[in-house]
Amino acid sequence: MSQAQEQIQEAIEILNHISEDQSVPRNIRRAAVKSIEILNDKDMEIAVRAINAIDILNDLSIDPNCPYHARTLLWQVITRLEISPDDDEDVDDEDEY
């Protein structure tokens, strides 16, 4: 599993936690589920999935109804999803030479 895929999995785990937290407003839980669906969409490249999810999560993080603990988790997810273009490729070092 590449580093980018590991970061996506970590982000999904955090988003699952948010989506199951009953103290988080329903609209934020729904957006977390939507972000999980985007991150699991294998039809798009990893970087595109990450950017789409970040866009949704940025909007959530400024929602005045978002509890502080959920906002902190959203920022953690956004940080994990900031994938560099080099991270989303499975490149074998031996093939580069």
C-alpha atoms as a PDB file:
ATOM      1  CA  MET A   1       0.000   0.000   0.000  1.00  0.00           C
ATOM      2  CA  SER A   2       1.408   3.383  -0.981  1.00  0.00           C
ATOM      3  CA  GLN A   3       1.846   6.245   1.433  1.00  0.00           C
ATOM      4  CA  ALA A   4      -1.058   8.117  -0.183  1.00  0.00           C
ATOM      5  CA  GLN A   5      -3.365   5.118   0.237  1.00  0.00           C
ATOM      6  CA  GLU A   6      -2.359   4.845   3.894  1.00  0.00           C
ATOM      7  CA  GLN A   7      -3.147   8.533   4.396  1.00  0.00           C
ATOM      8  CA  ILE A   8      -6.551   8.032   2.747  1.00  0.00           C
ATOM      9  CA  GLN A   9      -7.278   5.081   5.073  1.00  0.00           C
ATOM     10  CA  GLU A  10      -6.321   7.134   8.146  1.00  0.00           C
ATOM     11  CA  ALA A  11      -8.585   9.957   6.969  1.00  0.00           C
ATOM     12  CA  ILE A  12     -11.478   7.516   6.418  1.00  0.00           C
ATOM     13  CA  GLU A  13     -11.067   6.135   9.953  1.00  0.00           C
ATOM     14  CA  ILE A  14     -11.324   9.632  11.435  1.00  0.00           C
ATOM     15  CA  LEU A  15     -14.302  10.481   9.214  1.00  0.00           C
ATOM     16  CA  ASN A  16     -16.031   7.269  10.352  1.00  0.00           C
ATOM     17  CA  HIS A  17     -15.549   8.411  13.934  1.00  0.00           C
ATOM     18  CA  ILE A  18     -17.124  11.791  13.115  1.00  0.00           C
ATOM     19  CA  SER A  19     -20.024  10.204  11.236  1.00  0.00           C
ATOM     20  CA  GLU A  20     -20.870   7.966  14.205  1.00  0.00           C
ATOM     21  CA  ASP A  21     -20.587  10.693  16.874  1.00  0.00           C
ATOM     22  CA  GLN A  22     -24.116  11.620  17.958  1.00  0.00           C
ATOM     23  CA  SER A  23     -22.888  14.906  19.467  1.00  0.00           C
ATOM     24  CA  VAL A  24     -21.997  16.125  15.962  1.00  0.00           C
ATOM     25  CA  PRO A  25     -24.822  17.793  14.007  1.00  0.00           C
ATOM     26  CA  ARG A  26     -26.464  15.668  11.336  1.00  0.00           C
ATOM     27  CA  ASN A  27     -25.368  17.847   8.402  1.00  0.00           C
ATOM     28  CA  ILE A  28     -21.734  17.448   9.421  1.00  0.00           C
ATOM     29  CA  ARG A  29     -22.100  13.678   9.847  1.00  0.00           C
ATOM     30  CA  ARG A  30     -23.702  13.458   6.396  1.00  0.00           C
ATOM     31  CA  ALA A  31     -20.855  15.448   4.859  1.00  0.00           C
ATOM     32  CA  ALA A  32     -18.364  13.126   6.571  1.00  0.00           C
ATOM     33  CA  VAL A  33     -20.125  10.148   4.997  1.00  0.00           C
ATOM     34  CA  LYS A  34     -20.104  11.909   1.610  1.00  0.00           C
ATOM     35  CA  SER A  35     -16.355  12.510   1.994  1.00  0.00           C
ATOM     36  CA  ILE A  36     -15.830   8.821   2.769  1.00  0.00           C
ATOM     37  CA  GLU A  37     -17.738   7.894  -0.389  1.00  0.00           C
ATOM     38  CA  ILE A  38     -15.555  10.250  -2.432  1.00  0.00           C
ATOM     39  CA  LEU A  39     -12.364   8.868  -0.903  1.00  0.00           C
ATOM     40  CA  ASN A  40     -13.468   5.308  -1.689  1.00  0.00           C
ATOM     41  CA  ASP A  41     -14.345   6.113  -5.324  1.00  0.00           C
ATOM     42  CA  LYS A  42     -11.804   4.096  -7.314  1.00  0.00           C
ATOM     43  CA  ASP A  43     -12.856   5.742 -10.607  1.00  0.00           C
ATOM     44  CA  MET A  44     -10.871   8.872  -9.675  1.00  0.00           C
ATOM     45  CA  GLU A  45      -7.179   9.232  -8.996  1.00  0.00           C
ATOM     46  CA  ILE A  46      -6.124   9.489  -5.359  1.00  0.00           C
ATOM     47  CA  ALA A  47      -5.148  13.156  -5.598  1.00  0.00           C
ATOM     48  CA  VAL A  48      -8.496  14.096  -7.164  1.00  0.00           C
ATOM     49  CA  ARG A  49     -10.384  12.217  -4.452  1.00  0.00           C
ATOM     50  CA  ALA A  50      -8.355  13.976  -1.777  1.00  0.00           C
ATOM     51  CA  ILE A  51      -8.951  17.427  -3.268  1.00  0.00           C
ATOM     52  CA  ASN A  52     -12.700  16.820  -3.566  1.00  0.00           C
ATOM     53  CA  ALA A  53     -12.926  15.646   0.040  1.00  0.00           C
ATOM     54  CA  ILE A  54     -10.802  18.570   1.271  1.00  0.00           C
ATOM     55  CA  ASP A  55     -13.202  20.978  -0.446  1.00  0.00           C
ATOM     56  CA  ILE A  56     -16.155  19.525   1.474  1.00  0.00           C
ATOM     57  CA  LEU A  57     -14.262  19.374   4.765  1.00  0.00           C
ATOM     58  CA  ASN A  58     -13.021  22.970   4.516  1.00  0.00           C
ATOM     59  CA  ASP A  59     -16.619  24.149   4.293  1.00  0.00           C
ATOM     60  CA  LEU A  60     -17.531  22.042   7.325  1.00  0.00           C
ATOM     61  CA  SER A  61     -14.646  23.335   9.411  1.00  0.00           C
ATOM     62  CA  ILE A  62     -15.995  26.889   9.219  1.00  0.00           C
ATOM     63  CA  ASP A  63     -19.577  25.876  10.003  1.00  0.00           C
ATOM     64  CA  PRO A  64     -20.564  27.699  13.226  1.00  0.00           C
ATOM     65  CA  ASN A  65     -22.568  24.628  14.334  1.00  0.00           C
ATOM     66  CA  CYS A  66     -19.517  22.378  14.200  1.00  0.00           C
ATOM     67  CA  PRO A  67     -18.380  21.386  17.718  1.00  0.00           C
ATOM     68  CA  TYR A  68     -14.773  22.131  18.563  1.00  0.00           C
ATOM     69  CA  HIS A  69     -13.778  18.490  18.898  1.00  0.00           C
ATOM     70  CA  ALA A  70     -15.228  17.699  15.455  1.00  0.00           C
ATOM     71  CA  ARG A  71     -13.536  20.742  13.930  1.00  0.00           C
ATOM     72  CA  THR A  72     -10.193  19.537  15.273  1.00  0.00           C
ATOM     73  CA  LEU A  73     -10.799  16.100  13.749  1.00  0.00           C
ATOM     74  CA  LEU A  74     -11.742  17.693  10.416  1.00  0.00           C
ATOM     75  CA  TRP A  75      -8.466  19.609  10.406  1.00  0.00           C
ATOM     76  CA  GLN A  76      -6.615  16.359  11.095  1.00  0.00           C
ATOM     77  CA  VAL A  77      -8.334  14.741   8.126  1.00  0.00           C
ATOM     78  CA  ILE A  78      -7.524  17.704   5.885  1.00  0.00           C
ATOM     79  CA  THR A  79      -3.875  17.491   6.926  1.00  0.00           C
ATOM     80  CA  ARG A  80      -3.746  13.775   6.109  1.00  0.00           C
ATOM     81  CA  LEU A  81      -5.361  14.377   2.740  1.00  0.00           C
ATOM     82  CA  GLU A  82      -2.776  16.914   1.653  1.00  0.00           C
ATOM     83  CA  ILE A  83      -1.087  14.411  -0.628  1.00  0.00           C
ATOM     84  CA  SER A  84       1.832  15.456  -2.770  1.00  0.00           C
ATOM     85  CA  PRO A  85       1.766  14.290  -6.407  1.00  0.00           C
ATOM     86  CA  ASP A  86       4.782  12.063  -5.730  1.00  0.00           C
ATOM     87  CA  ASP A  87       2.930  10.211  -2.960  1.00  0.00           C
ATOM     88  CA  ASP A  88       0.079   8.984  -5.124  1.00  0.00           C
ATOM     89  CA  GLU A  89       2.238   6.910  -7.439  1.00  0.00           C
ATOM     90  CA  ASP A  90       3.509   3.448  -6.702  1.00  0.00           C
ATOM     91  CA  VAL A  91       6.984   3.811  -8.125  1.00  0.00           C
ATOM     92  CA  ASP A  92       9.595   1.127  -7.743  1.00  0.00           C
ATOM     93  CA  ASP A  93      12.983   2.776  -7.137  1.00  0.00           C
ATOM     94  CA  GLU A  94      14.776   0.156  -9.234  1.00  0.00           C
ATOM     95  CA  ASP A  95      12.756   1.077 -12.331  1.00  0.00           C
ATOM     96  CA  GLU A  96      13.895   4.707 -12.213  1.00  0.00           C
ATOM     97  CA  TYR A  97      17.499   3.938 -13.154  1.00  0.00           C
END
